[in-house]
PDB file of N, CA and C in Angstrom:
ATOM      1  N   UNK A   1     119.848  79.598  83.591  1.00  0.00           N
ATOM      2  CA  UNK A   1     119.179  80.712  83.674  1.00  0.00           C
ATOM      3  C   UNK A   1     118.307  80.583  81.991  1.00  0.00           C
ATOM      4  N   UNK A   2     117.047  80.943  82.034  1.00  0.00           N
ATOM      5  CA  UNK A   2     116.012  80.659  80.925  1.00  0.00           C
ATOM      6  C   UNK A   2     116.492  81.463  79.730  1.00  0.00           C
ATOM      7  N   UNK A   3     116.119  81.235  78.492  1.00  0.00           N
ATOM      8  CA  UNK A   3     116.389  82.192  77.418  1.00  0.00           C
ATOM      9  C   UNK A   3     115.389  83.320  77.732  1.00  0.00           C
ATOM     10  N   UNK A   4     115.487  84.682  77.088  1.00  0.00           N
ATOM     11  CA  UNK A   4     114.832  85.586  77.565  1.00  0.00           C
ATOM     12  C   UNK A   4     113.315  85.496  76.714  1.00  0.00           C
ATOM     13  N   UNK A   5     113.242  84.984  75.810  1.00  0.00           N
ATOM     14  CA  UNK A   5     111.898  84.497  75.217  1.00  0.00           C
ATOM     15  C   UNK A   5     110.806  83.618  76.016  1.00  0.00           C
ATOM     16  N   UNK A   6     111.459  83.068  76.884  1.00  0.00           N
ATOM     17  CA  UNK A   6     110.831  82.133  77.678  1.00  0.00           C
ATOM     18  C   UNK A   6     110.048  82.344  78.973  1.00  0.00           C
ATOM     19  N   UNK A   7     108.590  82.106  79.072  1.00  0.00           N
ATOM     20  CA  UNK A   7     108.156  82.519  80.272  1.00  0.00           C
ATOM     21  C   UNK A   7     107.624  81.535  81.076  1.00  0.00           C
ATOM     22  N   UNK A   8     107.891  81.360  82.525  1.00  0.00           N
ATOM     23  CA  UNK A   8     107.344  80.071  83.214  1.00  0.00           C
ATOM     24  C   UNK A   8     106.272  80.605  84.164  1.00  0.00           C
ATOM     25  N   UNK A   9     105.154  80.013  84.120  1.00  0.00           N
ATOM     26  CA  UNK A   9     104.226  80.136  85.187  1.00  0.00           C
ATOM     27  C   UNK A   9     103.782  78.925  85.978  1.00  0.00           C
ATOM     28  N   UNK A  10     103.874  79.258  87.109  1.00  0.00           N
ATOM     29  CA  UNK A  10     103.367  78.029  88.033  1.00  0.00           C
ATOM     30  C   UNK A  10     101.844  78.268  88.219  1.00  0.00           C
ATOM     31  N   UNK A  11     101.031  77.635  87.472  1.00  0.00           N
ATOM     32  CA  UNK A  11      99.792  77.832  87.423  1.00  0.00           C
ATOM     33  C   UNK A  11      99.042  77.985  88.741  1.00  0.00           C
ATOM     34  N   UNK A  12      99.271  76.849  89.405  1.00  0.00           N
ATOM     35  CA  UNK A  12      98.312  76.945  90.997  1.00  0.00           C
ATOM     36  C   UNK A  12      98.910  78.068  91.676  1.00  0.00           C
ATOM     37  N   UNK A  13      99.886  78.334  91.791  1.00  0.00           N
ATOM     38  CA  UNK A  13     100.202  79.759  92.716  1.00  0.00           C
ATOM     39  C   UNK A  13      99.769  80.933  92.031  1.00  0.00           C
ATOM     40  N   UNK A  14      99.590  81.155  90.652  1.00  0.00           N
ATOM     41  CA  UNK A  14      99.075  82.245  89.757  1.00  0.00           C
ATOM     42  C   UNK A  14      97.616  82.345  90.120  1.00  0.00           C
ATOM     43  N   UNK A  15      97.201  80.979  90.039  1.00  0.00           N
ATOM     44  CA  UNK A  15      95.510  81.116  90.076  1.00  0.00           C
ATOM     45  C   UNK A  15      95.220  81.326  91.529  1.00  0.00           C
ATOM     46  N   UNK A  16      95.992  81.122  92.379  1.00  0.00           N
ATOM     47  CA  UNK A  16      95.690  81.256  93.890  1.00  0.00           C
ATOM     48  C   UNK A  16      95.974  82.975  94.137  1.00  0.00           C
ATOM     49  N   UNK A  17      96.960  83.482  93.394  1.00  0.00           N
ATOM     50  CA  UNK A  17      97.113  84.987  93.439  1.00  0.00           C
ATOM     51  C   UNK A  17      96.279  85.786  92.872  1.00  0.00           C
ATOM     52  N   UNK A  18      95.493  85.152  92.085  1.00  0.00           N
ATOM     53  CA  UNK A  18      94.555  85.638  91.116  1.00  0.00           C
ATOM     54  C   UNK A  18      93.218  85.809  91.952  1.00  0.00           C
ATOM     55  N   UNK A  19      92.938  84.561  92.664  1.00  0.00           N
ATOM     56  CA  UNK A  19      91.871  84.613  93.482  1.00  0.00           C
ATOM     57  C   UNK A  19      91.932  85.680  94.492  1.00  0.00           C
ATOM     58  N   UNK A  20      93.009  85.581  95.097  1.00  0.00           N
ATOM     59  CA  UNK A  20      93.136  86.584  96.136  1.00  0.00           C
ATOM     60  C   UNK A  20      93.291  87.946  95.888  1.00  0.00           C
ATOM     61  N   UNK A  21      93.780  88.196  94.603  1.00  0.00           N
ATOM     62  CA  UNK A  21      93.338  89.728  94.280  1.00  0.00           C
ATOM     63  C   UNK A  21      91.963  89.870  93.900  1.00  0.00           C
ATOM     64  N   UNK A  22      91.261  89.128  93.180  1.00  0.00           N
ATOM     65  CA  UNK A  22      90.091  89.123  93.061  1.00  0.00           C
ATOM     66  C   UNK A  22      89.126  89.195  94.307  1.00  0.00           C
ATOM     67  N   UNK A  23      89.420  88.635  95.264  1.00  0.00           N
ATOM     68  CA  UNK A  23      88.598  88.815  96.740  1.00  0.00           C
ATOM     69  C   UNK A  23      89.073  90.287  97.273  1.00  0.00           C
ATOM     70  N   UNK A  24      90.384  90.676  97.128  1.00  0.00           N
ATOM     71  CA  UNK A  24      90.692  91.999  97.501  1.00  0.00           C
ATOM     72  C   UNK A  24      89.821  93.060  96.683  1.00  0.00           C
ATOM     73  N   UNK A  25      89.920  92.935  95.476  1.00  0.00           N
ATOM     74  CA  UNK A  25      89.158  93.854  94.626  1.00  0.00           C
ATOM     75  C   UNK A  25      87.549  93.799  95.033  1.00  0.00           C
ATOM     76  N   UNK A  26      86.947  92.747  95.273  1.00  0.00           N
ATOM     77  CA  UNK A  26      85.609  92.554  95.714  1.00  0.00           C
ATOM     78  C   UNK A  26      85.625  93.089  96.995  1.00  0.00           C
ATOM     79  N   UNK A  27      86.336  93.123  98.006  1.00  0.00           N
ATOM     80  CA  UNK A  27      86.186  93.864  99.261  1.00  0.00           C
ATOM     81  C   UNK A  27      86.568  95.377  99.112  1.00  0.00           C
ATOM     82  N   UNK A  28      87.426  95.849  98.186  1.00  0.00           N
ATOM     83  CA  UNK A  28      87.512  97.351  98.044  1.00  0.00           C
ATOM     84  C   UNK A  28      86.259  97.948  97.256  1.00  0.00           C
ATOM     85  N   UNK A  29      85.655  97.191  96.424  1.00  0.00           N
ATOM     86  CA  UNK A  29      84.441  97.608  95.768  1.00  0.00           C
ATOM     87  C   UNK A  29      83.305  97.708  96.718  1.00  0.00           C
ATOM     88  N   UNK A  30      83.138  96.767  97.704  1.00  0.00           N
ATOM     89  CA  UNK A  30      82.078  96.842  98.548  1.00  0.00           C
ATOM     90  C   UNK A  30      82.121  98.183  99.738  1.00  0.00           C
ATOM     91  N   UNK A  31      83.648  98.064 100.243  1.00  0.00           N
ATOM     92  CA  UNK A  31      83.901  99.210 101.034  1.00  0.00           C
ATOM     93  C   UNK A  31      83.690 100.525 100.424  1.00  0.00           C
ATOM     94  N   UNK A  32      84.279 100.599  99.170  1.00  0.00           N
ATOM     95  CA  UNK A  32      84.272 102.039  98.643  1.00  0.00           C
ATOM     96  C   UNK A  32      82.736 102.387  98.410  1.00  0.00           C
ATOM     97  N   UNK A  33      81.911 101.371  98.020  1.00  0.00           N
ATOM     98  CA  UNK A  33      80.336 101.711  97.821  1.00  0.00           C
ATOM     99  C   UNK A  33      80.076 102.300  99.124  1.00  0.00           C
ATOM    100  N   UNK A  34      80.212 101.683 100.685  1.00  0.00           N
ATOM    101  CA  UNK A  34      79.632 102.078 101.558  1.00  0.00           C
ATOM    102  C   UNK A  34      80.439 103.473 101.855  1.00  0.00           C
ATOM    103  N   UNK A  35      81.532 103.516 101.597  1.00  0.00           N
ATOM    104  CA  UNK A  35      82.132 105.014 102.010  1.00  0.00           C
ATOM    105  C   UNK A  35      81.664 106.072 101.016  1.00  0.00           C
ATOM    106  N   UNK A  36      81.440 105.733  99.779  1.00  0.00           N
ATOM    107  CA  UNK A  36      81.041 106.921  98.945  1.00  0.00           C
ATOM    108  C   UNK A  36      79.575 107.385  99.101  1.00  0.00           C
ATOM    109  N   UNK A  37      78.775 106.390  99.631  1.00  0.00           N
ATOM    110  CA  UNK A  37      77.364 106.543 100.070  1.00  0.00           C
ATOM    111  C   UNK A  37      77.330 107.471 101.131  1.00  0.00           C
ATOM    112  N   UNK A  38      78.233 107.134 102.392  1.00  0.00           N
ATOM    113  CA  UNK A  38      78.466 108.047 103.379  1.00  0.00           C
ATOM    114  C   UNK A  38      78.777 109.628 103.286  1.00  0.00           C
ATOM    115  N   UNK A  39      79.823 109.520 102.248  1.00  0.00           N
ATOM    116  CA  UNK A  39      80.287 110.853 101.698  1.00  0.00           C
ATOM    117  C   UNK A  39      79.266 111.445 101.224  1.00  0.00           C
ATOM    118  N   UNK A  40      78.483 111.068 100.015  1.00  0.00           N
ATOM    119  CA  UNK A  40      77.226 111.646  99.394  1.00  0.00           C
ATOM    120  C   UNK A  40      76.404 112.019 100.282  1.00  0.00           C
ATOM    121  N   UNK A  41      76.005 111.365 101.407  1.00  0.00           N
ATOM    122  CA  UNK A  41      74.901 111.660 102.214  1.00  0.00           C
ATOM    123  C   UNK A  41      75.496 112.967 103.060  1.00  0.00           C
ATOM    124  N   UNK A  42      76.736 112.702 103.605  1.00  0.00           N
ATOM    125  CA  UNK A  42      77.233 113.799 104.498  1.00  0.00           C
ATOM    126  C   UNK A  42      77.309 115.115 103.789  1.00  0.00           C
ATOM    127  N   UNK A  43      77.673 115.085 102.425  1.00  0.00           N
ATOM    128  CA  UNK A  43      77.903 116.368 101.683  1.00  0.00           C
ATOM    129  C   UNK A  43      76.511 116.946 101.360  1.00  0.00           C
ATOM    130  N   UNK A  44      75.511 115.837 101.090  1.00  0.00           N
ATOM    131  CA  UNK A  44      74.157 116.474 100.686  1.00  0.00           C
ATOM    132  C   UNK A  44      73.874 117.515 101.915  1.00  0.00           C
ATOM    133  N   UNK A  45      74.119 117.057 103.183  1.00  0.00           N
ATOM    134  CA  UNK A  45      73.831 118.135 104.024  1.00  0.00           C
ATOM    135  C   UNK A  45      74.564 119.323 104.413  1.00  0.00           C
ATOM    136  N   UNK A  46      75.429 119.846 103.538  1.00  0.00           N
ATOM    137  CA  UNK A  46      76.359 120.750 103.333  1.00  0.00           C
ATOM    138  C   UNK A  46      77.265 120.953 104.526  1.00  0.00           C
ATOM    139  N   UNK A  47      78.068 120.218 105.036  1.00  0.00           N
ATOM    140  CA  UNK A  47      79.021 119.883 106.110  1.00  0.00           C
ATOM    141  C   UNK A  47      79.795 121.355 106.299  1.00  0.00           C
ATOM    142  N   UNK A  48      80.089 121.774 107.351  1.00  0.00           N
ATOM    143  CA  UNK A  48      80.973 122.873 107.345  1.00  0.00           C
ATOM    144  C   UNK A  48      81.523 122.807 108.881  1.00  0.00           C
ATOM    145  N   UNK A  49      82.596 122.640 109.051  1.00  0.00           N
ATOM    146  CA  UNK A  49      83.426 122.780 110.296  1.00  0.00           C
ATOM    147  C   UNK A  49      83.356 124.233 110.639  1.00  0.00           C
ATOM    148  N   UNK A  50      83.190 125.263 109.948  1.00  0.00           N
ATOM    149  CA  UNK A  50      83.229 126.365 110.179  1.00  0.00           C
ATOM    150  C   UNK A  50      81.685 127.075 110.486  1.00  0.00           C
ATOM    151  N   UNK A  51      80.770 126.529 110.115  1.00  0.00           N
ATOM    152  CA  UNK A  51      79.465 127.066 110.397  1.00  0.00           C
ATOM    153  C   UNK A  51      78.705 127.468 109.547  1.00  0.00           C
ATOM    154  N   UNK A  52      77.642 127.966 109.493  1.00  0.00           N
ATOM    155  CA  UNK A  52      77.024 128.558 108.285  1.00  0.00           C
ATOM    156  C   UNK A  52      76.857 130.003 108.137  1.00  0.00           C
ATOM    157  N   UNK A  53      78.105 130.353 108.479  1.00  0.00           N
ATOM    158  CA  UNK A  53      78.296 132.032 108.332  1.00  0.00           C
ATOM    159  C   UNK A  53      79.239 132.252 107.158  1.00  0.00           C
ATOM    160  N   UNK A  54      79.952 133.165 106.762  1.00  0.00           N
ATOM    161  CA  UNK A  54      80.416 133.509 105.817  1.00  0.00           C
ATOM    162  C   UNK A  54      81.855 132.446 105.381  1.00  0.00           C
ATOM    163  N   UNK A  55      82.595 132.294 106.502  1.00  0.00           N
ATOM    164  CA  UNK A  55      83.839 131.220 106.295  1.00  0.00           C
ATOM    165  C   UNK A  55      83.364 129.896 106.006  1.00  0.00           C
ATOM    166  N   UNK A  56      82.292 129.458 106.888  1.00  0.00           N
ATOM    167  CA  UNK A  56      81.563 128.440 106.397  1.00  0.00           C
ATOM    168  C   UNK A  56      81.067 127.929 104.779  1.00  0.00           C
ATOM    169  N   UNK A  57      80.498 129.058 104.442  1.00  0.00           N
ATOM    170  CA  UNK A  57      79.745 129.168 103.328  1.00  0.00           C
ATOM    171  C   UNK A  57      80.961 128.933 102.141  1.00  0.00           C
ATOM    172  N   UNK A  58      82.195 129.707 102.475  1.00  0.00           N
ATOM    173  CA  UNK A  58      83.314 129.756 101.630  1.00  0.00           C
ATOM    174  C   UNK A  58      83.941 128.792 101.584  1.00  0.00           C
ATOM    175  N   UNK A  59      84.037 127.764 102.707  1.00  0.00           N
ATOM    176  CA  UNK A  59      84.564 126.334 102.812  1.00  0.00           C
ATOM    177  C   UNK A  59      83.664 125.468 101.952  1.00  0.00           C
ATOM    178  N   UNK A  60      82.506 125.457 102.079  1.00  0.00           N
ATOM    179  CA  UNK A  60      81.588 124.600 101.226  1.00  0.00           C
ATOM    180  C   UNK A  60      81.699 124.920  99.712  1.00  0.00           C
ATOM    181  N   UNK A  61      81.855 126.241  99.550  1.00  0.00           N
ATOM    182  CA  UNK A  61      81.905 126.414  97.875  1.00  0.00           C
ATOM    183  C   UNK A  61      83.115 126.092  97.499  1.00  0.00           C
ATOM    184  N   UNK A  62      83.993 125.873  98.327  1.00  0.00           N
ATOM    185  CA  UNK A  62      85.554 125.412  97.727  1.00  0.00           C
ATOM    186  C   UNK A  62      85.442 123.858  97.963  1.00  0.00           C
ATOM    187  N   UNK A  63      84.703 123.410  98.698  1.00  0.00           N
ATOM    188  CA  UNK A  63      84.957 121.774  98.978  1.00  0.00           C
ATOM    189  C   UNK A  63      83.842 121.120  98.271  1.00  0.00           C
ATOM    190  N   UNK A  64      82.609 121.761  98.221  1.00  0.00           N
ATOM    191  CA  UNK A  64      81.556 121.022  97.404  1.00  0.00           C
ATOM    192  C   UNK A  64      81.195 121.609  96.131  1.00  0.00           C
ATOM    193  N   UNK A  65      81.563 122.853  95.941  1.00  0.00           N
ATOM    194  CA  UNK A  65      81.248 123.698  95.062  1.00  0.00           C
ATOM    195  C   UNK A  65      81.069 123.432  93.402  1.00  0.00           C
ATOM    196  N   UNK A  66      81.461 122.042  93.037  1.00  0.00           N
ATOM    197  CA  UNK A  66      81.208 121.692  91.717  1.00  0.00           C
ATOM    198  C   UNK A  66      81.995 120.686  91.213  1.00  0.00           C
ATOM    199  N   UNK A  67      82.198 120.247  89.919  1.00  0.00           N
ATOM    200  CA  UNK A  67      82.889 119.232  89.740  1.00  0.00           C
ATOM    201  C   UNK A  67      84.383 119.120  89.719  1.00  0.00           C
ATOM    202  N   UNK A  68      84.925 120.594  89.805  1.00  0.00           N
ATOM    203  CA  UNK A  68      86.227 120.353  90.139  1.00  0.00           C
ATOM    204  C   UNK A  68      86.664 120.665  91.428  1.00  0.00           C
ATOM    205  N   UNK A  69      85.998 120.578  92.344  1.00  0.00           N
ATOM    206  CA  UNK A  69      86.172 120.672  93.823  1.00  0.00           C
ATOM    207  C   UNK A  69      86.757 119.175  94.462  1.00  0.00           C
ATOM    208  N   UNK A  70      87.544 119.425  95.398  1.00  0.00           N
ATOM    209  CA  UNK A  70      88.087 118.271  96.054  1.00  0.00           C
ATOM    210  C   UNK A  70      86.935 117.166  96.364  1.00  0.00           C
ATOM    211  N   UNK A  71      85.897 117.320  96.866  1.00  0.00           N
ATOM    212  CA  UNK A  71      85.001 116.302  97.435  1.00  0.00           C
ATOM    213  C   UNK A  71      84.667 115.471  95.994  1.00  0.00           C
ATOM    214  N   UNK A  72      84.241 116.181  95.011  1.00  0.00           N
ATOM    215  CA  UNK A  72      83.893 115.566  93.780  1.00  0.00           C
ATOM    216  C   UNK A  72      84.834 114.829  93.063  1.00  0.00           C
ATOM    217  N   UNK A  73      85.848 115.583  93.046  1.00  0.00           N
ATOM    218  CA  UNK A  73      87.183 114.669  92.379  1.00  0.00           C
ATOM    219  C   UNK A  73      87.363 113.555  93.004  1.00  0.00           C
ATOM    220  N   UNK A  74      87.394 113.225  94.163  1.00  0.00           N
ATOM    221  CA  UNK A  74      87.755 112.240  94.843  1.00  0.00           C
ATOM    222  C   UNK A  74      86.721 111.029  94.582  1.00  0.00           C
ATOM    223  N   UNK A  75      85.302 111.663  94.750  1.00  0.00           N
ATOM    224  CA  UNK A  75      84.490 110.602  94.421  1.00  0.00           C
ATOM    225  C   UNK A  75      84.654 110.133  92.877  1.00  0.00           C
ATOM    226  N   UNK A  76      84.567 110.978  91.758  1.00  0.00           N
ATOM    227  CA  UNK A  76      84.732 110.759  90.702  1.00  0.00           C
ATOM    228  C   UNK A  76      85.916 109.719  90.457  1.00  0.00           C
ATOM    229  N   UNK A  77      87.126 110.054  90.774  1.00  0.00           N
ATOM    230  CA  UNK A  77      88.425 109.324  90.414  1.00  0.00           C
ATOM    231  C   UNK A  77      88.198 107.887  91.172  1.00  0.00           C
ATOM    232  N   UNK A  78      87.797 107.645  92.237  1.00  0.00           N
ATOM    233  CA  UNK A  78      87.689 106.424  92.913  1.00  0.00           C
ATOM    234  C   UNK A  78      86.562 105.826  92.117  1.00  0.00           C
ATOM    235  N   UNK A  79      85.368 106.223  91.664  1.00  0.00           N
ATOM    236  CA  UNK A  79      84.430 105.533  90.827  1.00  0.00           C
ATOM    237  C   UNK A  79      84.840 105.148  89.535  1.00  0.00           C
ATOM    238  N   UNK A  80      86.048 105.603  89.115  1.00  0.00           N
ATOM    239  CA  UNK A  80      86.641 105.131  87.897  1.00  0.00           C
ATOM    240  C   UNK A  80      87.567 104.261  87.858  1.00  0.00           C
ATOM    241  N   UNK A  81      88.451 104.302  89.242  1.00  0.00           N
ATOM    242  CA  UNK A  81      89.322 103.298  89.694  1.00  0.00           C
ATOM    243  C   UNK A  81      88.917 101.983  90.204  1.00  0.00           C
ATOM    244  N   UNK A  82      88.208 101.951  91.255  1.00  0.00           N
ATOM    245  CA  UNK A  82      87.626 100.772  92.041  1.00  0.00           C
ATOM    246  C   UNK A  82      87.287  99.830  91.145  1.00  0.00           C
ATOM    247  N   UNK A  83      86.329  99.944  90.098  1.00  0.00           N
ATOM    248  CA  UNK A  83      86.036  98.958  88.934  1.00  0.00           C
ATOM    249  C   UNK A  83      87.236  98.345  88.255  1.00  0.00           C
ATOM    250  N   UNK A  84      88.159  99.093  88.155  1.00  0.00           N
ATOM    251  CA  UNK A  84      89.383  98.520  87.377  1.00  0.00           C
ATOM    252  C   UNK A  84      90.029  97.578  88.373  1.00  0.00           C
ATOM    253  N   UNK A  85      90.346  97.935  89.589  1.00  0.00           N
ATOM    254  CA  UNK A  85      90.856  97.028  90.400  1.00  0.00           C
ATOM    255  C   UNK A  85      89.771  95.828  90.850  1.00  0.00           C
ATOM    256  N   UNK A  86      88.603  96.069  90.860  1.00  0.00           N
ATOM    257  CA  UNK A  86      87.552  94.740  90.970  1.00  0.00           C
ATOM    258  C   UNK A  86      87.857  93.632  90.048  1.00  0.00           C
ATOM    259  N   UNK A  87      88.456  94.110  88.714  1.00  0.00           N
ATOM    260  CA  UNK A  87      88.498  93.088  87.761  1.00  0.00           C
ATOM    261  C   UNK A  87      89.794  92.651  87.430  1.00  0.00           C
ATOM    262  N   UNK A  88      90.732  93.036  88.388  1.00  0.00           N
ATOM    263  CA  UNK A  88      92.113  92.675  88.066  1.00  0.00           C
ATOM    264  C   UNK A  88      92.432  91.008  88.326  1.00  0.00           C
ATOM    265  N   UNK A  89      91.464  90.657  89.399  1.00  0.00           N
ATOM    266  CA  UNK A  89      91.845  89.241  89.630  1.00  0.00           C
ATOM    267  C   UNK A  89      91.254  88.481  88.582  1.00  0.00           C
ATOM    268  N   UNK A  90      89.905  88.549  88.255  1.00  0.00           N
ATOM    269  CA  UNK A  90      89.256  87.785  87.358  1.00  0.00           C
ATOM    270  C   UNK A  90      90.142  87.879  86.005  1.00  0.00           C
ATOM    271  N   UNK A  91      90.827  89.138  85.646  1.00  0.00           N
ATOM    272  CA  UNK A  91      91.343  89.182  84.469  1.00  0.00           C
ATOM    273  C   UNK A  91      92.564  88.322  84.426  1.00  0.00           C
ATOM    274  N   UNK A  92      93.420  88.479  85.489  1.00  0.00           N
ATOM    275  CA  UNK A  92      94.587  87.650  85.619  1.00  0.00           C
ATOM    276  C   UNK A  92      94.292  86.102  85.600  1.00  0.00           C
ATOM    277  N   UNK A  93      93.524  85.828  86.237  1.00  0.00           N
ATOM    278  CA  UNK A  93      92.712  84.223  86.196  1.00  0.00           C
ATOM    279  C   UNK A  93      92.588  83.956  84.849  1.00  0.00           C
ATOM    280  N   UNK A  94      91.712  84.544  83.978  1.00  0.00           N
ATOM    281  CA  UNK A  94      91.389  84.320  82.497  1.00  0.00           C
ATOM    282  C   UNK A  94      92.873  84.195  81.819  1.00  0.00           C
ATOM    283  N   UNK A  95      93.671  85.296  82.096  1.00  0.00           N
ATOM    284  CA  UNK A  95      94.949  85.144  81.250  1.00  0.00           C
ATOM    285  C   UNK A  95      95.828  83.787  81.687  1.00  0.00           C
ATOM    286  N   UNK A  96      95.793  83.423  82.974  1.00  0.00           N
ATOM    287  CA  UNK A  96      96.502  82.343  83.360  1.00  0.00           C
ATOM    288  C   UNK A  96      95.859  81.194  82.641  1.00  0.00           C
ATOM    289  N   UNK A  97      94.625  80.911  83.030  1.00  0.00           N
ATOM    290  CA  UNK A  97      93.620  79.691  82.208  1.00  0.00           C
ATOM    291  C   UNK A  97      94.059  79.746  80.911  1.00  0.00           C
ATOM    292  N   UNK A  98      94.018  80.974  80.173  1.00  0.00           N
ATOM    293  CA  UNK A  98      94.169  80.951  78.782  1.00  0.00           C
ATOM    294  C   UNK A  98      95.546  80.208  78.347  1.00  0.00           C
ATOM    295  N   UNK A  99      96.709  80.650  79.330  1.00  0.00           N
ATOM    296  CA  UNK A  99      98.115  80.208  79.062  1.00  0.00           C
ATOM    297  C   UNK A  99      98.039  78.431  79.081  1.00  0.00           C
ATOM    298  N   UNK A 100      97.434  78.122  80.245  1.00  0.00           N
ATOM    299  CA  UNK A 100      97.571  76.772  80.537  1.00  0.00           C
ATOM    300  C   UNK A 100      96.706  76.061  79.655  1.00  0.00           C
ATOM    301  N   UNK A 101      95.587  76.442  78.874  1.00  0.00           N
ATOM    302  CA  UNK A 101      95.015  75.893  77.879  1.00  0.00           C
ATOM    303  C   UNK A 101      95.565  75.787  76.715  1.00  0.00           C
ATOM    304  N   UNK A 102      96.414  76.928  76.442  1.00  0.00           N
ATOM    305  CA  UNK A 102      97.427  76.826  75.099  1.00  0.00           C
ATOM    306  C   UNK A 102      98.415  76.110  75.097  1.00  0.00           C
ATOM    307  N   UNK A 103      99.106  76.194  76.437  1.00  0.00           N
ATOM    308  CA  UNK A 103     100.054  75.315  76.303  1.00  0.00           C
ATOM    309  C   UNK A 103      99.605  73.634  76.439  1.00  0.00           C
ATOM    310  N   UNK A 104      98.317  73.344  76.733  1.00  0.00           N
ATOM    311  CA  UNK A 104      97.851  72.059  76.801  1.00  0.00           C
ATOM    312  C   UNK A 104      97.462  71.920  75.396  1.00  0.00           C
ATOM    313  N   UNK A 105      96.998  72.588  74.539  1.00  0.00           N
ATOM    314  CA  UNK A 105      96.854  72.335  73.114  1.00  0.00           C
ATOM    315  C   UNK A 105      97.934  72.249  72.298  1.00  0.00           C
ATOM    316  N   UNK A 106      98.842  73.023  72.715  1.00  0.00           N
ATOM    317  CA  UNK A 106     100.204  72.879  71.879  1.00  0.00           C
ATOM    318  C   UNK A 106     100.952  71.635  72.075  1.00  0.00           C
ATOM    319  N   UNK A 107     100.711  71.076  73.349  1.00  0.00           N
ATOM    320  CA  UNK A 107     101.664  69.924  73.760  1.00  0.00           C
ATOM    321  C   UNK A 107     100.699  68.788  73.022  1.00  0.00           C
ATOM    322  N   UNK A 108      99.172  68.958  72.779  1.00  0.00           N
ATOM    323  CA  UNK A 108      98.415  67.737  72.517  1.00  0.00           C
ATOM    324  C   UNK A 108      98.620  67.869  70.831  1.00  0.00           C
ATOM    325  N   UNK A 109      98.929  68.893  70.065  1.00  0.00           N
ATOM    326  CA  UNK A 109      98.937  68.945  68.810  1.00  0.00           C
ATOM    327  C   UNK A 109     100.449  68.691  68.204  1.00  0.00           C
ATOM    328  N   UNK A 110     101.481  69.137  69.199  1.00  0.00           N
ATOM    329  CA  UNK A 110     102.916  68.956  68.826  1.00  0.00           C
ATOM    330  C   UNK A 110     103.772  67.876  69.357  1.00  0.00           C
ATOM    331  N   UNK A 111     103.497  67.368  70.291  1.00  0.00           N
ATOM    332  CA  UNK A 111     104.005  66.420  71.262  1.00  0.00           C
ATOM    333  C   UNK A 111     104.056  66.625  72.585  1.00  0.00           C
ATOM    334  N   UNK A 112     104.620  65.924  73.201  1.00  0.00           N
ATOM    335  CA  UNK A 112     104.808  65.614  74.832  1.00  0.00           C
ATOM    336  C   UNK A 112     105.873  66.763  75.287  1.00  0.00           C
ATOM    337  N   UNK A 113     106.118  66.302  76.519  1.00  0.00           N
ATOM    338  CA  UNK A 113     107.165  67.041  77.294  1.00  0.00           C
ATOM    339  C   UNK A 113     108.520  67.082  76.723  1.00  0.00           C
ATOM    340  N   UNK A 114     108.931  66.238  75.923  1.00  0.00           N
ATOM    341  CA  UNK A 114     110.414  66.314  75.189  1.00  0.00           C
ATOM    342  C   UNK A 114     110.429  67.294  74.109  1.00  0.00           C
ATOM    343  N   UNK A 115     109.262  67.585  73.434  1.00  0.00           N
ATOM    344  CA  UNK A 115     109.209  68.347  72.194  1.00  0.00           C
ATOM    345  C   UNK A 115     109.427  69.907  72.422  1.00  0.00           C
TER     346      UNK A 115
END
């Protein structure tokens, strides 16, 4: 068992995982962009499963009626979340590469594998 202060990274596996995470983030961003555009287009037409009478208008008021209504809240929250997910892969990749670079520099400055 390793000392609790030690961390081991398998760079190739970590970089592969970071690349997969980056690709998933890119797919999510593209899919969300399409979904958000569709939602915005449909909401602009004031959709109502209840029609254009009083119940339909009440539905639209409570669904689309402002920033604190469900339709806009979902769009706003996803607009904040999706870009964060999109950069996870590149961020992890940078961290792994930085760790490997630091290990290589320490090895160069302070000795080989036996140090």
